[in-house]
């Protein structure tokens, strides 16, 4: 069995020539706030429940310290996760990368695209963000780019639609 050189693994998840286009910084801010809101609510509920159920001071304190550590870890992880996302537009295909522990690289040929969807929920709209999702002819490709500025998502949708139409014309 042959071994890959260390730089081989890094190049496995890199586009051949183009640079990665990052997500909007507002997406990172959204994710940071969601970590604080969601895990903060869980922490408060758990600490209050432990205080009422046990009547002792130390179980809620231990839970509060554990939640504080967990929230700090999740908050820091958002930045790493944000940097792991990116996309690169090439002449014939679109690359999308994601993942921290399990890295993922999807290459979508423009000629195989059937639908380009733009999605934006209420929280994303509040932050001026949208997601672009690509549906291919095989319907097995899950190429989704979250956290784009709404204007950038609209421009990407238009570019991908045009490239998809021109490259599918030869099929």
N, C-alpha and C. Protein backbone atom coordinates (compact mmCIF):
# COMPACT_ATOMS: atom_id res chain seq x y z
N UNK A 1 0.85 -1.16 0.00
CA UNK A 1 0.00 0.00 0.00
C UNK A 1 0.90 1.24 0.00
N UNK A 2 0.65 2.16 -0.92
CA UNK A 2 1.47 3.37 -0.99
C UNK A 2 0.90 4.44 -0.07
N UNK A 3 1.78 5.25 0.47
CA UNK A 3 1.36 6.32 1.36
C UNK A 3 1.35 7.63 0.60
N UNK A 4 0.37 8.46 0.93
CA UNK A 4 0.31 9.79 0.34
C UNK A 4 1.25 10.72 1.09
N UNK A 5 1.94 11.59 0.40
CA UNK A 5 2.74 12.58 1.11
C UNK A 5 1.82 13.54 1.85
N UNK A 6 2.36 14.20 2.87
CA UNK A 6 1.56 15.11 3.69
C UNK A 6 0.89 16.18 2.84
N UNK A 7 1.59 16.72 1.84
CA UNK A 7 0.98 17.75 1.02
C UNK A 7 -0.09 17.17 0.10
N UNK A 8 -0.08 15.86 -0.13
CA UNK A 8 -1.09 15.22 -0.96
C UNK A 8 -2.47 15.29 -0.34
N UNK A 9 -2.55 15.18 0.98
CA UNK A 9 -3.84 15.27 1.63
C UNK A 9 -4.41 16.66 1.55
N UNK A 10 -3.56 17.69 1.70
CA UNK A 10 -4.02 19.06 1.58
C UNK A 10 -4.50 19.37 0.17
N UNK A 11 -3.77 18.88 -0.82
CA UNK A 11 -4.15 19.14 -2.20
C UNK A 11 -5.40 18.36 -2.60
N UNK A 12 -5.71 17.32 -1.86
CA UNK A 12 -6.92 16.56 -2.14
C UNK A 12 -8.17 17.42 -2.00
N UNK A 13 -8.13 18.41 -1.12
CA UNK A 13 -9.28 19.26 -0.87
C UNK A 13 -9.05 20.69 -1.37
N UNK A 14 -8.21 20.85 -2.37
CA UNK A 14 -7.95 22.16 -2.95
C UNK A 14 -8.36 22.17 -4.42
N UNK A 15 -8.88 23.31 -4.91
CA UNK A 15 -9.16 23.36 -6.34
C UNK A 15 -7.84 23.41 -7.11
N UNK A 16 -7.81 22.91 -8.30
CA UNK A 16 -6.55 22.85 -9.03
C UNK A 16 -5.88 24.22 -9.25
N UNK A 17 -6.63 25.25 -9.57
CA UNK A 17 -5.99 26.53 -9.89
C UNK A 17 -6.58 27.73 -9.17
N UNK A 18 -7.85 27.73 -8.88
CA UNK A 18 -8.52 28.90 -8.33
C UNK A 18 -8.38 28.97 -6.81
N UNK A 19 -8.61 30.16 -6.27
CA UNK A 19 -8.60 30.34 -4.82
C UNK A 19 -10.02 30.15 -4.30
N UNK A 20 -10.12 29.74 -3.07
CA UNK A 20 -11.43 29.55 -2.45
C UNK A 20 -12.08 30.89 -2.18
N UNK A 21 -13.37 30.99 -2.44
CA UNK A 21 -14.15 32.17 -2.11
C UNK A 21 -14.82 31.88 -0.78
N UNK A 22 -14.58 32.71 0.25
CA UNK A 22 -15.14 32.42 1.58
C UNK A 22 -16.60 32.84 1.70
N UNK A 23 -17.22 32.41 2.78
CA UNK A 23 -18.58 32.82 3.09
C UNK A 23 -18.56 34.25 3.65
N UNK A 24 -19.73 34.82 3.81
CA UNK A 24 -19.85 36.17 4.36
C UNK A 24 -19.46 36.17 5.84
N UNK A 25 -18.75 37.19 6.30
CA UNK A 25 -18.43 37.30 7.73
C UNK A 25 -19.69 37.39 8.61
N UNK A 26 -20.78 37.86 8.03
CA UNK A 26 -22.04 37.92 8.79
C UNK A 26 -22.55 36.53 9.13
N UNK A 27 -22.18 35.54 8.32
CA UNK A 27 -22.58 34.16 8.62
C UNK A 27 -21.90 33.68 9.91
N UNK A 28 -20.63 34.04 10.07
CA UNK A 28 -19.92 33.69 11.31
C UNK A 28 -20.58 34.37 12.50
N UNK A 29 -20.95 35.64 12.35
CA UNK A 29 -21.63 36.37 13.43
C UNK A 29 -22.97 35.72 13.77
N UNK A 30 -23.71 35.29 12.76
CA UNK A 30 -24.97 34.60 12.98
C UNK A 30 -24.76 33.31 13.77
N UNK A 31 -23.78 32.52 13.36
CA UNK A 31 -23.51 31.26 14.04
C UNK A 31 -23.04 31.49 15.47
N UNK A 32 -22.22 32.52 15.71
CA UNK A 32 -21.79 32.84 17.07
C UNK A 32 -22.99 33.17 17.95
N UNK A 33 -23.89 33.99 17.43
CA UNK A 33 -25.07 34.36 18.22
C UNK A 33 -25.98 33.16 18.48
N UNK A 34 -26.07 32.27 17.49
CA UNK A 34 -26.91 31.08 17.68
C UNK A 34 -26.33 30.16 18.76
N UNK A 35 -25.01 30.04 18.80
CA UNK A 35 -24.37 29.23 19.85
C UNK A 35 -24.70 29.81 21.21
N UNK A 36 -24.52 31.12 21.35
CA UNK A 36 -24.79 31.76 22.65
C UNK A 36 -26.26 31.64 23.03
N UNK A 37 -27.15 31.84 22.07
CA UNK A 37 -28.59 31.79 22.36
C UNK A 37 -29.05 30.38 22.71
N UNK A 38 -28.77 29.44 21.84
CA UNK A 38 -29.27 28.07 22.03
C UNK A 38 -28.63 27.41 23.26
N UNK A 39 -27.31 27.39 23.31
CA UNK A 39 -26.65 26.73 24.43
C UNK A 39 -26.82 27.52 25.73
N UNK A 40 -26.93 28.83 25.62
CA UNK A 40 -27.20 29.64 26.82
C UNK A 40 -28.56 29.31 27.42
N UNK A 41 -29.57 29.14 26.58
CA UNK A 41 -30.90 28.75 27.07
C UNK A 41 -30.86 27.38 27.73
N UNK A 42 -30.19 26.43 27.08
CA UNK A 42 -30.06 25.09 27.68
C UNK A 42 -29.34 25.15 29.02
N UNK A 43 -28.32 25.98 29.10
CA UNK A 43 -27.57 26.11 30.35
C UNK A 43 -28.45 26.67 31.45
N UNK A 44 -29.17 27.74 31.17
CA UNK A 44 -30.04 28.35 32.19
C UNK A 44 -31.10 27.36 32.64
N UNK A 45 -31.75 26.69 31.71
CA UNK A 45 -32.80 25.72 32.07
C UNK A 45 -32.23 24.59 32.93
N UNK A 46 -31.07 24.09 32.56
CA UNK A 46 -30.47 22.98 33.30
C UNK A 46 -30.04 23.42 34.70
N UNK A 47 -29.40 24.58 34.79
CA UNK A 47 -28.94 25.06 36.10
C UNK A 47 -30.12 25.33 37.02
N UNK A 48 -31.16 25.96 36.51
CA UNK A 48 -32.35 26.23 37.33
C UNK A 48 -33.02 24.93 37.75
N UNK A 49 -33.16 23.97 36.83
CA UNK A 49 -33.77 22.69 37.16
C UNK A 49 -32.97 21.95 38.22
N UNK A 50 -31.65 21.96 38.10
CA UNK A 50 -30.82 21.30 39.11
C UNK A 50 -30.93 21.99 40.47
N UNK A 51 -30.98 23.31 40.46
CA UNK A 51 -31.09 24.04 41.72
C UNK A 51 -32.41 23.72 42.41
N UNK A 52 -33.49 23.66 41.65
CA UNK A 52 -34.80 23.37 42.23
C UNK A 52 -34.92 21.91 42.64
N UNK A 53 -34.35 21.01 41.85
CA UNK A 53 -34.50 19.58 42.12
C UNK A 53 -33.62 19.10 43.27
N UNK A 54 -32.41 19.63 43.38
CA UNK A 54 -31.49 19.11 44.39
C UNK A 54 -31.49 19.91 45.68
N UNK A 55 -31.72 21.21 45.58
CA UNK A 55 -31.68 22.04 46.77
C UNK A 55 -30.27 22.27 47.30
N UNK A 56 -29.29 21.85 46.57
CA UNK A 56 -27.89 22.04 46.96
C UNK A 56 -27.24 23.03 46.02
N UNK A 57 -26.13 23.60 46.43
CA UNK A 57 -25.48 24.62 45.62
C UNK A 57 -24.54 24.06 44.58
N UNK A 58 -23.91 22.91 44.85
CA UNK A 58 -22.85 22.45 43.98
C UNK A 58 -23.31 21.83 42.65
N UNK A 59 -24.44 21.11 42.55
CA UNK A 59 -24.81 20.58 41.23
C UNK A 59 -25.07 21.68 40.19
N UNK A 60 -25.79 22.76 40.55
CA UNK A 60 -25.95 23.81 39.54
C UNK A 60 -24.64 24.50 39.18
N UNK A 61 -23.74 24.64 40.15
CA UNK A 61 -22.44 25.28 39.87
C UNK A 61 -21.62 24.41 38.93
N UNK A 62 -21.60 23.12 39.18
CA UNK A 62 -20.86 22.20 38.30
C UNK A 62 -21.46 22.24 36.89
N UNK A 63 -22.79 22.22 36.81
CA UNK A 63 -23.45 22.29 35.50
C UNK A 63 -23.14 23.61 34.80
N UNK A 64 -23.14 24.70 35.55
CA UNK A 64 -22.85 26.01 34.95
C UNK A 64 -21.42 26.06 34.41
N UNK A 65 -20.47 25.52 35.15
CA UNK A 65 -19.08 25.50 34.70
C UNK A 65 -18.94 24.60 33.46
N UNK A 66 -19.59 23.45 33.48
CA UNK A 66 -19.54 22.55 32.33
C UNK A 66 -20.15 23.21 31.09
N UNK A 67 -21.30 23.86 31.27
CA UNK A 67 -21.92 24.55 30.14
C UNK A 67 -21.05 25.69 29.65
N UNK A 68 -20.42 26.43 30.55
CA UNK A 68 -19.55 27.53 30.13
C UNK A 68 -18.38 27.01 29.28
N UNK A 69 -17.81 25.89 29.69
CA UNK A 69 -16.72 25.29 28.91
C UNK A 69 -17.22 24.83 27.54
N UNK A 70 -18.39 24.20 27.54
CA UNK A 70 -18.97 23.71 26.28
C UNK A 70 -19.30 24.88 25.34
N UNK A 71 -19.88 25.93 25.87
CA UNK A 71 -20.22 27.09 25.05
C UNK A 71 -18.95 27.74 24.50
N UNK A 72 -17.91 27.84 25.29
CA UNK A 72 -16.65 28.40 24.82
C UNK A 72 -16.07 27.55 23.68
N UNK A 73 -16.13 26.22 23.84
CA UNK A 73 -15.65 25.33 22.80
C UNK A 73 -16.45 25.51 21.51
N UNK A 74 -17.78 25.51 21.64
CA UNK A 74 -18.64 25.65 20.46
C UNK A 74 -18.45 27.01 19.79
N UNK A 75 -18.27 28.05 20.58
CA UNK A 75 -18.07 29.40 20.06
C UNK A 75 -16.78 29.45 19.23
N UNK A 76 -15.74 28.85 19.76
CA UNK A 76 -14.46 28.82 19.05
C UNK A 76 -14.54 27.95 17.80
N UNK A 77 -15.28 26.88 17.90
CA UNK A 77 -15.42 25.96 16.77
C UNK A 77 -16.14 26.61 15.59
N UNK A 78 -17.02 27.58 15.86
CA UNK A 78 -17.72 28.28 14.78
C UNK A 78 -16.72 28.92 13.83
N UNK A 79 -15.69 29.55 14.38
CA UNK A 79 -14.68 30.17 13.52
C UNK A 79 -13.96 29.17 12.64
N UNK A 80 -13.62 28.04 13.20
CA UNK A 80 -12.95 27.00 12.41
C UNK A 80 -13.88 26.44 11.34
N UNK A 81 -15.13 26.22 11.71
CA UNK A 81 -16.11 25.71 10.76
C UNK A 81 -16.34 26.71 9.63
N UNK A 82 -16.41 27.98 9.98
CA UNK A 82 -16.60 29.05 9.00
C UNK A 82 -15.45 29.05 7.98
N UNK A 83 -14.23 28.92 8.47
CA UNK A 83 -13.07 28.92 7.57
C UNK A 83 -12.99 27.65 6.71
N UNK A 84 -13.62 26.58 7.15
CA UNK A 84 -13.59 25.33 6.39
C UNK A 84 -14.47 25.40 5.14
N UNK A 85 -15.49 26.28 5.15
CA UNK A 85 -16.37 26.41 4.01
C UNK A 85 -15.73 27.28 2.94
N UNK A 86 -16.01 26.97 1.70
CA UNK A 86 -15.57 27.80 0.59
C UNK A 86 -16.04 27.20 -0.73
N UNK A 87 -15.98 28.02 -1.76
CA UNK A 87 -16.33 27.51 -3.09
C UNK A 87 -15.42 28.16 -4.11
N UNK A 88 -15.28 27.49 -5.24
CA UNK A 88 -14.43 27.99 -6.33
C UNK A 88 -15.15 27.73 -7.65
N UNK A 89 -15.28 28.78 -8.43
CA UNK A 89 -15.89 28.66 -9.75
C UNK A 89 -14.79 28.44 -10.77
N UNK A 90 -14.93 27.39 -11.55
CA UNK A 90 -13.96 27.10 -12.61
C UNK A 90 -14.67 27.21 -13.95
N UNK A 91 -13.96 26.93 -15.02
CA UNK A 91 -14.56 27.06 -16.35
C UNK A 91 -15.67 26.04 -16.58
N UNK A 92 -15.49 24.82 -16.07
CA UNK A 92 -16.46 23.77 -16.38
C UNK A 92 -17.20 23.23 -15.16
N UNK A 93 -16.77 23.61 -13.95
CA UNK A 93 -17.43 23.07 -12.76
C UNK A 93 -17.27 24.01 -11.57
N UNK A 94 -18.03 23.70 -10.54
CA UNK A 94 -18.01 24.45 -9.29
C UNK A 94 -17.55 23.51 -8.18
N UNK A 95 -16.59 23.95 -7.40
CA UNK A 95 -16.10 23.18 -6.26
C UNK A 95 -16.69 23.78 -4.99
N UNK A 96 -17.14 22.92 -4.07
CA UNK A 96 -17.63 23.35 -2.76
C UNK A 96 -16.93 22.48 -1.72
N UNK A 97 -16.31 23.14 -0.72
CA UNK A 97 -15.64 22.38 0.33
C UNK A 97 -16.28 22.74 1.67
N UNK A 98 -16.21 21.78 2.60
CA UNK A 98 -16.74 21.99 3.95
C UNK A 98 -16.19 20.91 4.87
N UNK A 99 -16.47 21.08 6.15
CA UNK A 99 -16.14 20.04 7.12
C UNK A 99 -14.86 20.28 7.88
N UNK A 100 -14.92 19.94 9.17
CA UNK A 100 -13.75 20.02 10.03
C UNK A 100 -13.16 18.64 10.25
N UNK A 101 -13.90 17.80 10.93
CA UNK A 101 -13.42 16.45 11.22
C UNK A 101 -13.53 15.58 9.96
N UNK A 102 -14.68 15.62 9.33
CA UNK A 102 -14.90 14.90 8.09
C UNK A 102 -14.95 15.93 6.97
N UNK A 103 -13.83 16.09 6.28
CA UNK A 103 -13.75 17.08 5.22
C UNK A 103 -14.47 16.57 3.98
N UNK A 104 -15.01 17.53 3.22
CA UNK A 104 -15.80 17.17 2.05
C UNK A 104 -15.50 18.14 0.92
N UNK A 105 -15.35 17.60 -0.27
CA UNK A 105 -15.16 18.39 -1.47
C UNK A 105 -16.12 17.86 -2.52
N UNK A 106 -16.95 18.75 -3.05
CA UNK A 106 -17.91 18.38 -4.09
C UNK A 106 -17.57 19.17 -5.34
N UNK A 107 -17.43 18.48 -6.45
CA UNK A 107 -17.22 19.13 -7.75
C UNK A 107 -18.47 18.90 -8.58
N UNK A 108 -19.11 19.98 -8.96
CA UNK A 108 -20.36 19.88 -9.73
C UNK A 108 -20.10 20.42 -11.14
N UNK A 109 -20.15 19.55 -12.15
CA UNK A 109 -20.02 20.04 -13.53
C UNK A 109 -21.24 20.90 -13.89
N UNK A 110 -20.99 22.05 -14.51
CA UNK A 110 -22.10 22.95 -14.85
C UNK A 110 -23.11 22.28 -15.77
N UNK A 111 -22.63 21.42 -16.67
CA UNK A 111 -23.53 20.75 -17.60
C UNK A 111 -24.48 19.77 -16.94
N UNK A 112 -24.19 19.35 -15.71
CA UNK A 112 -25.04 18.39 -15.00
C UNK A 112 -26.07 19.08 -14.09
N UNK A 113 -25.96 20.39 -13.94
CA UNK A 113 -26.89 21.11 -13.06
C UNK A 113 -28.25 21.20 -13.72
N UNK A 114 -29.28 20.95 -12.92
CA UNK A 114 -30.64 21.11 -13.40
C UNK A 114 -31.33 22.29 -12.74
N UNK A 115 -31.08 22.48 -11.45
CA UNK A 115 -31.75 23.53 -10.70
C UNK A 115 -30.73 24.23 -9.80
N UNK A 116 -30.83 25.54 -9.73
CA UNK A 116 -30.05 26.33 -8.78
C UNK A 116 -31.06 27.02 -7.87
N UNK A 117 -31.06 26.63 -6.59
CA UNK A 117 -32.02 27.18 -5.63
C UNK A 117 -31.33 28.20 -4.72
N UNK A 118 -32.05 29.26 -4.39
CA UNK A 118 -31.59 30.23 -3.40
C UNK A 118 -32.58 30.18 -2.25
N UNK A 119 -32.07 29.97 -1.05
CA UNK A 119 -32.92 29.86 0.14
C UNK A 119 -32.47 30.87 1.18
N UNK A 120 -33.43 31.39 1.95
CA UNK A 120 -33.11 32.32 3.02
C UNK A 120 -34.23 32.29 4.04
N UNK A 121 -33.95 31.78 5.24
CA UNK A 121 -34.93 31.75 6.31
C UNK A 121 -35.03 33.11 7.00
N UNK A 122 -35.92 33.23 7.96
CA UNK A 122 -36.12 34.53 8.60
C UNK A 122 -34.88 35.05 9.34
N UNK A 123 -34.14 34.16 9.98
CA UNK A 123 -32.93 34.61 10.69
C UNK A 123 -31.86 35.00 9.69
N UNK A 124 -31.70 34.20 8.63
CA UNK A 124 -30.74 34.55 7.59
C UNK A 124 -31.09 35.88 6.93
N UNK A 125 -32.39 36.10 6.65
CA UNK A 125 -32.80 37.36 6.04
C UNK A 125 -32.49 38.54 6.94
N UNK A 126 -32.64 38.35 8.25
CA UNK A 126 -32.32 39.42 9.20
C UNK A 126 -30.85 39.82 9.09
N UNK A 127 -29.98 38.85 8.81
CA UNK A 127 -28.56 39.11 8.66
C UNK A 127 -28.16 39.42 7.21
N UNK A 128 -29.13 39.43 6.30
CA UNK A 128 -28.84 39.71 4.89
C UNK A 128 -28.13 38.58 4.19
N UNK A 129 -28.43 37.34 4.59
CA UNK A 129 -27.74 36.16 4.06
C UNK A 129 -28.70 35.26 3.28
N UNK A 130 -28.12 34.41 2.47
CA UNK A 130 -28.87 33.41 1.71
C UNK A 130 -27.97 32.21 1.46
N UNK A 131 -28.58 31.09 1.08
CA UNK A 131 -27.86 29.87 0.72
C UNK A 131 -28.16 29.53 -0.73
N UNK A 132 -27.18 28.97 -1.41
CA UNK A 132 -27.36 28.51 -2.79
C UNK A 132 -27.22 27.00 -2.78
N UNK A 133 -28.18 26.33 -3.38
CA UNK A 133 -28.17 24.87 -3.44
C UNK A 133 -28.26 24.43 -4.90
N UNK A 134 -27.42 23.46 -5.26
CA UNK A 134 -27.40 22.95 -6.63
C UNK A 134 -28.01 21.56 -6.67
N UNK A 135 -28.88 21.34 -7.64
CA UNK A 135 -29.47 20.03 -7.87
C UNK A 135 -28.97 19.56 -9.23
N UNK A 136 -28.41 18.35 -9.25
CA UNK A 136 -27.83 17.84 -10.49
C UNK A 136 -28.75 16.82 -11.15
N UNK A 137 -28.35 16.40 -12.32
CA UNK A 137 -29.14 15.43 -13.08
C UNK A 137 -29.27 14.11 -12.33
N UNK A 138 -28.25 13.72 -11.60
CA UNK A 138 -28.31 12.46 -10.86
C UNK A 138 -29.06 12.62 -9.55
N UNK A 139 -29.30 13.84 -9.12
CA UNK A 139 -30.02 14.16 -7.87
C UNK A 139 -29.33 13.59 -6.64
N UNK A 140 -28.11 13.12 -6.79
CA UNK A 140 -27.40 12.59 -5.63
C UNK A 140 -26.39 13.59 -5.07
N UNK A 141 -26.14 14.66 -5.80
CA UNK A 141 -25.17 15.65 -5.36
C UNK A 141 -25.82 16.64 -4.42
N UNK A 142 -25.20 16.82 -3.27
CA UNK A 142 -25.67 17.79 -2.30
C UNK A 142 -24.65 18.91 -2.25
N UNK A 143 -24.76 19.84 -3.16
CA UNK A 143 -23.85 20.98 -3.19
C UNK A 143 -24.62 22.19 -2.69
N UNK A 144 -24.32 22.58 -1.47
CA UNK A 144 -25.01 23.70 -0.84
C UNK A 144 -23.95 24.66 -0.32
N UNK A 145 -24.15 25.95 -0.58
CA UNK A 145 -23.25 26.98 -0.09
C UNK A 145 -24.05 27.90 0.82
N UNK A 146 -23.89 27.76 2.14
CA UNK A 146 -24.65 28.61 3.06
C UNK A 146 -23.92 29.93 3.31
N UNK A 147 -24.62 30.87 3.92
CA UNK A 147 -23.97 32.06 4.45
C UNK A 147 -23.39 33.02 3.44
N UNK A 148 -24.04 33.16 2.29
CA UNK A 148 -23.60 34.14 1.30
C UNK A 148 -24.40 35.43 1.49
N UNK A 149 -23.78 36.56 1.19
CA UNK A 149 -24.55 37.81 1.15
C UNK A 149 -25.67 37.62 0.14
N UNK A 150 -26.82 38.21 0.40
CA UNK A 150 -27.98 38.02 -0.48
C UNK A 150 -27.65 38.44 -1.92
N UNK A 151 -26.95 39.55 -2.09
CA UNK A 151 -26.59 40.01 -3.43
C UNK A 151 -25.61 39.04 -4.09
N UNK A 152 -24.64 38.54 -3.32
CA UNK A 152 -23.67 37.58 -3.87
C UNK A 152 -24.36 36.28 -4.25
N UNK A 153 -25.35 35.86 -3.45
CA UNK A 153 -26.09 34.64 -3.77
C UNK A 153 -26.88 34.81 -5.06
N UNK A 154 -27.48 35.97 -5.25
CA UNK A 154 -28.24 36.23 -6.48
C UNK A 154 -27.31 36.23 -7.70
N UNK A 155 -26.15 36.86 -7.56
CA UNK A 155 -25.20 36.89 -8.68
C UNK A 155 -24.65 35.50 -8.97
N UNK A 156 -24.36 34.71 -7.91
CA UNK A 156 -23.88 33.34 -8.12
C UNK A 156 -24.96 32.51 -8.80
N UNK A 157 -26.20 32.65 -8.36
CA UNK A 157 -27.32 31.93 -9.00
C UNK A 157 -27.37 32.24 -10.48
N UNK A 158 -27.28 33.54 -10.84
CA UNK A 158 -27.36 33.93 -12.24
C UNK A 158 -26.18 33.38 -13.04
N UNK A 159 -24.97 33.47 -12.49
CA UNK A 159 -23.79 32.95 -13.19
C UNK A 159 -23.90 31.44 -13.40
N UNK A 160 -24.31 30.72 -12.35
CA UNK A 160 -24.42 29.26 -12.46
C UNK A 160 -25.50 28.86 -13.45
N UNK A 161 -26.60 29.60 -13.47
CA UNK A 161 -27.68 29.29 -14.41
C UNK A 161 -27.21 29.47 -15.85
N UNK A 162 -26.51 30.57 -16.11
CA UNK A 162 -26.01 30.81 -17.46
C UNK A 162 -24.99 29.74 -17.85
N UNK A 163 -24.04 29.44 -16.96
CA UNK A 163 -23.03 28.42 -17.26
C UNK A 163 -23.68 27.05 -17.45
N UNK A 164 -24.68 26.75 -16.64
CA UNK A 164 -25.37 25.48 -16.78
C UNK A 164 -26.09 25.35 -18.10
N UNK A 165 -26.73 26.44 -18.54
CA UNK A 165 -27.45 26.41 -19.81
C UNK A 165 -26.51 26.27 -20.99
N UNK A 166 -25.39 27.00 -20.97
CA UNK A 166 -24.47 26.94 -22.10
C UNK A 166 -23.74 25.60 -22.18
N UNK A 167 -23.41 25.02 -21.03
CA UNK A 167 -22.67 23.76 -21.05
C UNK A 167 -23.59 22.56 -21.23
N UNK A 168 -24.86 22.71 -20.88
CA UNK A 168 -25.81 21.62 -21.10
C UNK A 168 -26.30 21.59 -22.54
N UNK A 169 -26.08 22.67 -23.28
CA UNK A 169 -26.55 22.73 -24.66
C UNK A 169 -25.91 21.65 -25.52
N UNK A 170 -24.70 21.25 -25.19
CA UNK A 170 -24.02 20.21 -25.97
C UNK A 170 -24.45 18.81 -25.64
N UNK A 171 -25.29 18.63 -24.63
CA UNK A 171 -25.71 17.27 -24.24
C UNK A 171 -26.82 16.77 -25.09
